[in-house]
Each structure stands twice: as C-alpha cells, then as structure tokens.
C-alpha atoms as a PDB file:
ATOM      1  CA  UNK A   1       0.000   0.000   0.000  1.00  0.00           C
ATOM      2  CA  UNK A   2       1.362   3.400  -0.918  1.00  0.00           C
ATOM      3  CA  UNK A   3       1.727   6.369   1.389  1.00  0.00           C
ATOM      4  CA  UNK A   4       1.686   8.736  -1.586  1.00  0.00           C
ATOM      5  CA  UNK A   5      -1.538  10.356  -2.628  1.00  0.00           C
ATOM      6  CA  UNK A   6      -2.930  13.575  -3.984  1.00  0.00           C
ATOM      7  CA  UNK A   7      -4.425  15.657  -1.220  1.00  0.00           C
ATOM      8  CA  UNK A   8      -8.201  15.557  -0.959  1.00  0.00           C
ATOM      9  CA  UNK A   9     -10.096  18.482  -2.347  1.00  0.00           C
ATOM     10  CA  UNK A  10     -13.628  19.690  -1.861  1.00  0.00           C
ATOM     11  CA  UNK A  11     -14.305  19.239  -5.570  1.00  0.00           C
ATOM     12  CA  UNK A  12     -12.698  15.864  -6.079  1.00  0.00           C
ATOM     13  CA  UNK A  13     -12.686  12.494  -4.371  1.00  0.00           C
ATOM     14  CA  UNK A  14      -9.840  11.274  -2.245  1.00  0.00           C
ATOM     15  CA  UNK A  15      -8.180   8.180  -3.729  1.00  0.00           C
ATOM     16  CA  UNK A  16      -9.389   5.034  -1.923  1.00  0.00           C
ATOM     17  CA  UNK A  17      -7.073   2.509  -0.347  1.00  0.00           C
ATOM     18  CA  UNK A  18      -4.351   4.642   1.173  1.00  0.00           C
ATOM     19  CA  UNK A  19      -2.515   3.779   4.393  1.00  0.00           C
ATOM     20  CA  UNK A  20      -3.352   4.957   7.885  1.00  0.00           C
ATOM     21  CA  UNK A  21      -0.267   7.155   7.848  1.00  0.00           C
ATOM     22  CA  UNK A  22      -1.175   8.774   4.523  1.00  0.00           C
ATOM     23  CA  UNK A  23      -4.798   9.305   5.544  1.00  0.00           C
ATOM     24  CA  UNK A  24      -3.753  10.885   8.828  1.00  0.00           C
ATOM     25  CA  UNK A  25      -1.276  13.139   7.018  1.00  0.00           C
ATOM     26  CA  UNK A  26      -3.969  14.280   4.581  1.00  0.00           C
ATOM     27  CA  UNK A  27      -6.409  15.065   7.383  1.00  0.00           C
ATOM     28  CA  UNK A  28      -6.287  18.087   9.626  1.00  0.00           C
ATOM     29  CA  UNK A  29      -6.547  15.878  12.694  1.00  0.00           C
ATOM     30  CA  UNK A  30      -3.888  16.017  15.338  1.00  0.00           C
ATOM     31  CA  UNK A  31      -2.811  12.883  17.174  1.00  0.00           C
ATOM     32  CA  UNK A  32      -4.972  13.563  20.234  1.00  0.00           C
ATOM     33  CA  UNK A  33      -8.086  14.096  18.084  1.00  0.00           C
ATOM     34  CA  UNK A  34      -7.473  10.857  16.189  1.00  0.00           C
ATOM     35  CA  UNK A  35      -6.831   8.973  19.420  1.00  0.00           C
ATOM     36  CA  UNK A  36     -10.060  10.218  21.001  1.00  0.00           C
ATOM     37  CA  UNK A  37     -12.022   9.420  17.827  1.00  0.00           C
ATOM     38  CA  UNK A  38     -10.521   5.915  17.839  1.00  0.00           C
ATOM     39  CA  UNK A  39     -11.436   5.369  21.492  1.00  0.00           C
ATOM     40  CA  UNK A  40     -14.980   6.534  20.748  1.00  0.00           C
ATOM     41  CA  UNK A  41     -15.227   3.851  18.060  1.00  0.00           C
ATOM     42  CA  UNK A  42     -14.053   1.105  20.429  1.00  0.00           C
ATOM     43  CA  UNK A  43     -10.305   1.263  20.003  1.00  0.00           C
ATOM     44  CA  UNK A  44      -8.043   0.275  22.858  1.00  0.00           C
ATOM     45  CA  UNK A  45      -4.697   1.719  21.799  1.00  0.00           C
ATOM     46  CA  UNK A  46      -2.901   4.174  24.025  1.00  0.00           C
ATOM     47  CA  UNK A  47      -1.974   7.469  22.415  1.00  0.00           C
ATOM     48  CA  UNK A  48       1.688   6.336  22.351  1.00  0.00           C
ATOM     49  CA  UNK A  49       0.718   3.059  20.622  1.00  0.00           C
ATOM     50  CA  UNK A  50      -1.311   4.963  18.032  1.00  0.00           C
ATOM     51  CA  UNK A  51       1.608   7.263  17.357  1.00  0.00           C
ATOM     52  CA  UNK A  52       3.957   4.278  16.971  1.00  0.00           C
ATOM     53  CA  UNK A  53       1.507   2.600  14.573  1.00  0.00           C
ATOM     54  CA  UNK A  54       1.287   5.744  12.444  1.00  0.00           C
ATOM     55  CA  UNK A  55       5.093   5.806  12.270  1.00  0.00           C
ATOM     56  CA  UNK A  56       5.080   2.175  11.159  1.00  0.00           C
ATOM     57  CA  UNK A  57       6.764   0.988  14.346  1.00  0.00           C
ATOM     58  CA  UNK A  58       3.813  -1.031  15.684  1.00  0.00           C
ATOM     59  CA  UNK A  59       1.715  -3.555  13.800  1.00  0.00           C
ATOM     60  CA  UNK A  60      -1.989  -3.371  14.531  1.00  0.00           C
ATOM     61  CA  UNK A  61      -4.523  -6.156  14.682  1.00  0.00           C
ATOM     62  CA  UNK A  62      -7.136  -6.075  11.955  1.00  0.00           C
ATOM     63  CA  UNK A  63      -9.655  -4.718  14.452  1.00  0.00           C
ATOM     64  CA  UNK A  64      -7.415  -1.898  15.700  1.00  0.00           C
ATOM     65  CA  UNK A  65      -6.411  -1.008  12.125  1.00  0.00           C
ATOM     66  CA  UNK A  66     -10.078  -0.815  11.142  1.00  0.00           C
ATOM     67  CA  UNK A  67     -10.969   1.361  14.137  1.00  0.00           C
ATOM     68  CA  UNK A  68      -8.240   3.872  13.272  1.00  0.00           C
ATOM     69  CA  UNK A  69      -9.150   3.695   9.570  1.00  0.00           C
ATOM     70  CA  UNK A  70     -12.793   4.374  10.456  1.00  0.00           C
ATOM     71  CA  UNK A  71     -11.838   7.373  12.588  1.00  0.00           C
ATOM     72  CA  UNK A  72      -9.805   8.863   9.736  1.00  0.00           C
ATOM     73  CA  UNK A  73     -12.427   7.997   7.135  1.00  0.00           C
ATOM     74  CA  UNK A  74     -15.123   9.605   9.288  1.00  0.00           C
ATOM     75  CA  UNK A  75     -13.115  12.836   9.174  1.00  0.00           C
ATOM     76  CA  UNK A  76     -13.237  12.823   5.369  1.00  0.00           C
ATOM     77  CA  UNK A  77     -16.843  11.674   4.960  1.00  0.00           C
ATOM     78  CA  UNK A  78     -18.013  14.388   7.378  1.00  0.00           C
ATOM     79  CA  UNK A  79     -16.545  16.826   4.862  1.00  0.00           C
ATOM     80  CA  UNK A  80     -18.338  15.242   1.907  1.00  0.00           C
ATOM     81  CA  UNK A  81     -15.250  13.425   0.664  1.00  0.00           C
ATOM     82  CA  UNK A  82     -14.497   9.799  -0.087  1.00  0.00           C
ATOM     83  CA  UNK A  83     -13.310   7.437   2.641  1.00  0.00           C
ATOM     84  CA  UNK A  84      -9.678   7.057   1.558  1.00  0.00           C
ATOM     85  CA  UNK A  85      -8.107   4.729   4.116  1.00  0.00           C
ATOM     86  CA  UNK A  86      -8.171   1.021   3.349  1.00  0.00           C
ATOM     87  CA  UNK A  87      -9.707  -1.372   5.848  1.00  0.00           C
ATOM     88  CA  UNK A  88      -7.913  -4.591   6.805  1.00  0.00           C
ATOM     89  CA  UNK A  89     -10.052  -6.771   4.510  1.00  0.00           C
ATOM     90  CA  UNK A  90      -9.112  -4.557   1.528  1.00  0.00           C
ATOM     91  CA  UNK A  91      -5.433  -4.854   2.393  1.00  0.00           C
ATOM     92  CA  UNK A  92      -5.755  -8.622   2.754  1.00  0.00           C
ATOM     93  CA  UNK A  93      -7.544  -8.907  -0.606  1.00  0.00           C
ATOM     94  CA  UNK A  94      -4.807  -6.908  -2.327  1.00  0.00           C
ATOM     95  CA  UNK A  95      -2.161  -9.093  -0.740  1.00  0.00           C
ATOM     96  CA  UNK A  96      -3.892 -12.249  -1.982  1.00  0.00           C
ATOM     97  CA  UNK A  97      -4.166 -10.821  -5.505  1.00  0.00           C
ATOM     98  CA  UNK A  98      -0.453 -10.007  -5.533  1.00  0.00           C
ATOM     99  CA  UNK A  99       0.593 -13.299  -3.967  1.00  0.00           C
ATOM    100  CA  UNK A 100      -2.038 -15.960  -4.804  1.00  0.00           C
ATOM    101  CA  UNK A 101      -1.686 -19.310  -3.320  1.00  0.00           C
END
C-alpha cells in the first residue's frame, strides 16, 4: 500500500485505499483528536501506541487497524469526501491478488 496520494479536495474524491499514515497526514486531525475518535469507536490503543503505529513501528490487529481507519475515514466523509483509508479486509484482498496461493 502506498503512502503517496494527492491531497483531498472539496471538488474531487480522495483516492481510496491509502494507508493509515497517509490518511492521517492528509487530514487536519492532530494525534490527540485521532486517538479520542478511535477510542470513541471502540479502540483500545494508548496514544503512544497509536503514534507508533502511524510511524510504522507497531503492527496493529485487523480490528485496531479498522478502528483507526474508520476514525480517519469519518473525518473525510463528514466533509463530503471519499473514505480514503483502506480497511484490513481490503489490504488482505490486495495481498492475496499479488501473492495468490
């Protein structure tokens, strides 16, 4: 999954399937806002764990990835944009397409 993407615009959709890190970077959320949004959605990560995951230093379970992805995607959909961050099932499907077997 790529961390590169065009920034979202009001007039155009945000490309789907980007990483948590890229989605967070494209949003105007700060770490504390994302952490609180994640907790609200049922996440259990500490703020330090979330920060480490966004830096790529901590692997998340599918559930935790999806909670953070939902929090970021909610930010964009509340602004009338696409939901750009891939969920764990989308990542898994891409992986299987690249490496069948």
